[in-house]
Amino acid sequence: MTGTPRHEVTLKKLVYTIPGAEAVTVRRDVPYRATDAGPLGIDLYYPPGATSAPRPAVVFATGFSDAGGRKMLGCAIKEMESYIGWARLVAALGMVAIAYENRDPAADIHAVLRSVRDNGAALGVDGQRIGLMGFSGNGPVTLSALMDDRALKCGVLCCAFTLDLDGATGVAEAQAQWRFVNPCAGRTVDDLPGDLPLFIARAGQDQFAGLNDALDRFVAKALARNLPLTVVNHATGPHAFDTADDSETTREIIRSILGFFRRHLL
């Protein structure tokens, strides 16, 4: 019996790479949580020639359950080419990149962080220097973790859903349509730590209804609080421009995101 064929979106690669990205070492499916269906695993990407010394890490947060995702996509989210590409970029710059499978997205991001910190020496990860990155419907679970885990050092949101503010309902409507989790429901920008560096990459031509409306409100509230916020707007960029728009603007934004992680984690 054959499985679900890979959806075309899972095969889209980043439009940018750097020397060393293909030379990183990958440790796959390290168990982090037991379930009745078997253990859930994380993939760790290490810099070329990395020693056992602990390094800072970037965790790619996931707001969609792989239980349903595999049926629709034909693979776990961590196996998508875009995630693999980002993980290789992060590792090539001297950090550990972490992608994971999940069943309960809101809880599993915390289980991943807990496991990585508890086993930091064995995994080669400095548990006190971890940043998060979230794309698209993974935005709310990323923000929720940044609100609740005060040991996290920084966060990046790229073309991401955020919060429903000022009575708006766009994120909730997108959640109902696309089935990502929204642990930020009812929360506000005031729930974020006041000293947490954030990087926002906005797609000016994002096709997803309500995404930029919510994002623009989020940015306005964050600036009103004077949070340490970096915002980059790709004026002509579509959703997921990191795979969909092969332009120098896209490549510059990817470089900026990588530079942000280096500044705050290395």
Protein backbone atom coordinates (compact mmCIF):
# COMPACT_ATOMS: atom_id res chain seq x y z
CA MET A 1 0.00 0.00 0.00
CA THR A 2 1.44 3.33 -1.02
CA GLY A 3 1.33 6.43 1.15
CA THR A 4 0.04 9.88 0.30
CA PRO A 5 2.09 11.40 -2.54
CA ARG A 6 4.19 14.41 -1.57
CA HIS A 7 2.29 17.65 -2.11
CA GLU A 8 4.08 20.07 -4.41
CA VAL A 9 4.42 22.64 -1.62
CA THR A 10 6.65 20.22 0.30
CA LEU A 11 9.11 20.07 -2.60
CA LYS A 12 9.66 23.82 -2.96
CA LYS A 13 13.19 24.82 -2.06
CA LEU A 14 14.56 28.10 -0.78
CA VAL A 15 15.77 30.56 -3.39
CA TYR A 16 18.97 31.13 -1.41
CA THR A 17 21.84 29.04 -0.11
CA ILE A 18 25.35 29.60 1.25
CA PRO A 19 28.64 27.71 1.21
CA GLY A 20 28.62 24.90 3.74
CA ALA A 21 24.86 24.38 3.72
CA GLU A 22 25.17 20.99 2.06
CA ALA A 23 28.02 19.95 4.37
CA VAL A 24 26.09 20.16 7.64
CA THR A 25 25.61 17.04 9.74
CA VAL A 26 22.06 15.86 10.39
CA ARG A 27 20.98 13.72 13.35
CA ARG A 28 17.47 12.53 12.65
CA ASP A 29 14.53 11.37 14.74
CA VAL A 30 16.00 11.81 18.21
CA PRO A 31 13.07 10.94 20.53
CA TYR A 32 11.73 13.75 22.67
CA ARG A 33 8.29 12.49 23.72
CA ALA A 34 6.57 9.11 23.92
CA THR A 35 3.03 8.69 22.56
CA ASP A 36 0.66 5.76 22.16
CA ALA A 37 1.60 5.72 18.47
CA GLY A 38 5.33 5.69 19.17
CA PRO A 39 7.99 8.27 19.99
CA LEU A 40 8.06 11.72 18.44
CA GLY A 41 11.42 12.84 17.14
CA ILE A 42 13.51 15.89 16.43
CA ASP A 43 16.03 16.42 13.65
CA LEU A 44 19.17 18.34 14.59
CA TYR A 45 21.37 20.05 12.00
CA TYR A 46 24.96 20.73 13.09
CA PRO A 47 27.63 22.97 11.53
CA PRO A 48 30.24 21.25 9.37
CA GLY A 49 32.97 19.89 11.61
CA ALA A 50 31.08 20.69 14.82
CA THR A 51 32.57 19.43 18.08
CA SER A 52 30.58 18.32 21.12
CA ALA A 53 30.72 21.82 22.62
CA PRO A 54 27.20 23.20 23.20
CA ARG A 55 26.01 25.67 20.57
CA PRO A 56 23.01 27.99 20.39
CA ALA A 57 19.97 26.68 18.57
CA VAL A 58 17.09 27.80 16.40
CA VAL A 59 13.88 25.78 16.75
CA PHE A 60 11.37 25.87 13.89
CA ALA A 61 8.01 25.95 15.63
CA THR A 62 5.11 23.96 14.21
CA GLY A 63 1.45 24.86 14.63
CA PHE A 64 -0.01 22.06 12.51
CA SER A 65 -0.34 18.48 13.75
CA ASP A 66 1.65 15.98 11.72
CA ALA A 67 -1.14 13.46 12.28
CA GLY A 68 -3.26 15.33 9.75
CA GLY A 69 -0.35 16.90 7.94
CA ARG A 70 1.01 13.61 6.67
CA LYS A 71 -2.36 12.81 5.11
CA MET A 72 -2.47 16.14 3.28
CA LEU A 73 1.21 16.71 2.56
CA GLY A 74 2.61 13.20 2.25
CA CYS A 75 5.33 13.89 4.83
CA ALA A 76 6.01 15.42 8.22
CA ILE A 77 6.44 19.18 8.25
CA LYS A 78 10.08 18.77 9.26
CA GLU A 79 10.66 16.88 6.01
CA MET A 80 9.51 19.75 3.78
CA GLU A 81 12.29 21.07 1.55
CA SER A 82 11.80 24.63 2.81
CA TYR A 83 12.38 23.56 6.42
CA ILE A 84 15.40 21.52 5.43
CA GLY A 85 16.78 24.51 3.54
CA TRP A 86 16.37 26.89 6.45
CA ALA A 87 17.86 24.36 8.87
CA ARG A 88 20.91 23.95 6.66
CA LEU A 89 21.41 27.71 6.46
CA VAL A 90 21.24 28.10 10.23
CA ALA A 91 23.66 25.23 10.81
CA ALA A 92 26.10 26.47 8.18
CA LEU A 93 26.41 29.70 10.18
CA GLY A 94 27.48 27.92 13.36
CA MET A 95 24.23 27.20 15.19
CA VAL A 96 22.17 24.05 15.69
CA ALA A 97 18.88 23.98 13.79
CA ILE A 98 16.03 21.91 15.20
CA ALA A 99 12.91 20.71 13.41
CA TYR A 100 10.48 18.25 14.95
CA GLU A 101 7.40 16.13 14.43
CA ASN A 102 4.36 16.64 16.64
CA ARG A 103 0.84 15.53 17.49
CA ASP A 104 -0.26 18.25 19.93
CA PRO A 105 1.34 21.45 18.57
CA ALA A 106 0.58 23.74 21.50
CA ALA A 107 2.10 21.31 24.02
CA ASP A 108 4.81 19.76 21.88
CA ILE A 109 6.77 22.97 21.30
CA HIS A 110 7.31 23.09 25.06
CA ALA A 111 8.14 19.37 25.18
CA VAL A 112 10.79 19.95 22.51
CA LEU A 113 12.32 22.87 24.40
CA ARG A 114 12.28 20.93 27.66
CA SER A 115 13.92 17.87 26.09
CA VAL A 116 16.59 19.94 24.33
CA ARG A 117 17.48 21.71 27.58
CA ASP A 118 17.42 18.56 29.70
CA ASN A 119 19.66 16.75 27.21
CA GLY A 120 21.70 19.72 26.06
CA ALA A 121 25.10 18.20 26.78
CA ALA A 122 24.32 15.03 24.82
CA LEU A 123 22.75 16.99 21.97
CA GLY A 124 25.40 19.69 21.78
CA VAL A 125 22.89 22.47 22.46
CA ASP A 126 23.19 25.41 24.83
CA GLY A 127 19.72 25.47 26.33
CA GLN A 128 20.11 29.08 27.44
CA ARG A 129 20.63 30.34 23.89
CA ILE A 130 17.58 29.27 21.89
CA GLY A 131 15.56 31.26 19.38
CA LEU A 132 12.31 30.39 17.61
CA MET A 133 11.17 30.82 14.03
CA GLY A 134 7.62 30.47 12.74
CA PHE A 135 6.13 30.68 9.26
CA SER A 136 2.53 31.18 8.14
CA GLY A 137 0.07 29.29 10.37
CA ASN A 138 2.90 28.44 12.74
CA GLY A 139 2.94 32.04 13.94
CA PRO A 140 0.50 31.73 16.86
CA VAL A 141 2.26 28.75 18.44
CA THR A 142 5.57 30.58 18.03
CA LEU A 143 4.23 33.70 19.73
CA SER A 144 2.63 31.68 22.51
CA ALA A 145 5.92 29.96 23.29
CA LEU A 146 7.74 33.30 23.28
CA MET A 147 5.16 34.64 25.74
CA ASP A 148 5.37 31.68 28.11
CA ASP A 149 9.03 30.61 27.96
CA ARG A 150 11.00 33.57 29.25
CA ALA A 151 14.34 31.79 28.70
CA LEU A 152 14.00 32.12 24.92
CA LYS A 153 16.37 34.71 23.49
CA CYS A 154 14.65 35.90 20.31
CA GLY A 155 12.00 35.10 17.72
CA VAL A 156 11.39 35.45 13.99
CA LEU A 157 8.01 35.48 12.26
CA CYS A 158 8.00 35.17 8.47
CA CYS A 159 4.73 35.66 6.54
CA ALA A 160 3.02 34.59 9.75
CA PHE A 161 -0.39 34.84 11.34
CA THR A 162 -0.15 36.56 14.72
CA LEU A 163 -2.90 37.83 17.06
CA ASP A 164 -6.50 38.95 16.77
CA LEU A 165 -6.41 42.45 18.26
CA ASP A 166 -8.96 45.24 18.64
CA GLY A 167 -11.89 42.90 18.02
CA ALA A 168 -10.55 41.47 14.76
CA THR A 169 -11.22 37.81 13.92
CA GLY A 170 -8.98 37.14 10.92
CA VAL A 171 -6.61 34.78 12.73
CA ALA A 172 -9.48 32.78 14.22
CA GLU A 173 -11.09 32.51 10.79
CA ALA A 174 -7.82 31.33 9.26
CA GLN A 175 -7.40 28.82 12.07
CA ALA A 176 -10.84 27.37 11.34
CA GLN A 177 -10.02 27.11 7.64
CA TRP A 178 -6.42 25.85 7.78
CA ARG A 179 -6.51 23.92 11.06
CA PHE A 180 -3.47 25.34 12.79
CA VAL A 181 -3.57 25.75 16.56
CA ASN A 182 -4.03 29.18 18.08
CA PRO A 183 -2.86 29.16 21.70
CA CYS A 184 -2.66 32.96 21.50
CA ALA A 185 -6.44 33.37 21.33
CA GLY A 186 -7.42 36.12 23.75
CA ARG A 187 -3.84 37.24 24.34
CA THR A 188 -2.22 40.55 23.44
CA VAL A 189 1.15 42.09 22.70
CA ASP A 190 1.37 42.95 26.41
CA ASP A 191 1.94 39.24 27.10
CA LEU A 192 5.31 39.36 25.34
CA PRO A 193 8.46 40.08 27.36
CA GLY A 194 9.43 43.72 27.02
CA ASP A 195 13.06 42.92 26.20
CA LEU A 196 12.54 40.09 23.68
CA PRO A 197 14.08 40.83 20.25
CA LEU A 198 11.63 40.07 17.43
CA PHE A 199 12.09 40.06 13.67
CA ILE A 200 9.04 40.34 11.42
CA ALA A 201 9.23 39.58 7.70
CA ARG A 202 6.10 40.81 5.91
CA ALA A 203 4.98 39.86 2.40
CA GLY A 204 3.34 42.92 0.88
CA GLN A 205 1.33 40.81 -1.57
CA ASP A 206 0.39 38.04 0.87
CA GLN A 207 -2.59 36.15 -0.50
CA PHE A 208 -3.93 34.81 2.82
CA ALA A 209 -7.00 36.70 4.01
CA GLY A 210 -6.50 38.51 7.28
CA LEU A 211 -2.79 37.74 7.67
CA ASN A 212 -1.40 41.20 6.97
CA ASP A 213 -4.30 42.94 8.69
CA ALA A 214 -3.44 41.06 11.89
CA LEU A 215 0.28 41.51 11.36
CA ASP A 216 -0.02 45.27 10.88
CA ARG A 217 -2.03 45.61 14.10
CA PHE A 218 0.55 43.47 15.90
CA VAL A 219 3.43 45.62 14.67
CA ALA A 220 1.64 48.85 15.64
CA LYS A 221 0.97 47.56 19.17
CA ALA A 222 4.54 46.25 19.51
CA LEU A 223 5.96 49.61 18.48
CA ALA A 224 3.60 51.40 20.86
CA ARG A 225 5.16 49.28 23.62
CA ASN A 226 8.60 50.11 22.24
CA LEU A 227 9.54 46.44 21.92
CA PRO A 228 12.91 45.66 20.30
CA LEU A 229 11.30 44.96 16.94
CA THR A 230 12.79 44.67 13.46
CA VAL A 231 10.30 44.78 10.57
CA VAL A 232 11.15 44.12 6.93
CA ASN A 233 8.48 44.50 4.25
CA HIS A 234 8.88 42.69 0.94
CA ALA A 235 6.56 45.04 -0.95
CA THR A 236 6.17 42.80 -4.01
CA GLY A 237 6.57 39.49 -2.19
CA PRO A 238 3.84 36.82 -2.08
CA HIS A 239 3.20 34.49 0.82
CA ALA A 240 6.17 32.17 1.37
CA PHE A 241 8.37 34.40 -0.76
CA ASP A 242 11.42 32.50 0.52
CA THR A 243 10.44 29.72 -1.91
CA ALA A 244 8.14 31.56 -4.33
CA ASP A 245 10.04 34.73 -5.25
CA ASP A 246 13.52 34.28 -6.68
CA SER A 247 14.70 37.87 -6.28
CA GLU A 248 17.51 39.79 -4.64
CA THR A 249 14.98 41.29 -2.21
CA THR A 250 14.05 37.81 -1.00
CA ARG A 251 17.68 36.81 -0.64
CA GLU A 252 18.47 39.98 1.29
CA ILE A 253 15.62 39.29 3.73
CA ILE A 254 16.82 35.73 4.27
CA ARG A 255 20.32 37.06 4.97
CA SER A 256 18.83 39.60 7.39
CA ILE A 257 16.99 36.87 9.30
CA LEU A 258 20.15 34.79 9.56
CA GLY A 259 22.08 37.85 10.72
CA PHE A 260 19.43 38.51 13.37
CA PHE A 261 19.87 35.02 14.81
CA ARG A 262 23.64 35.36 14.77
CA ARG A 263 23.52 38.68 16.64
CA HIS A 264 21.23 37.41 19.37
CA LEU A 265 22.42 33.83 19.78
CA LEU A 266 26.11 33.60 18.92
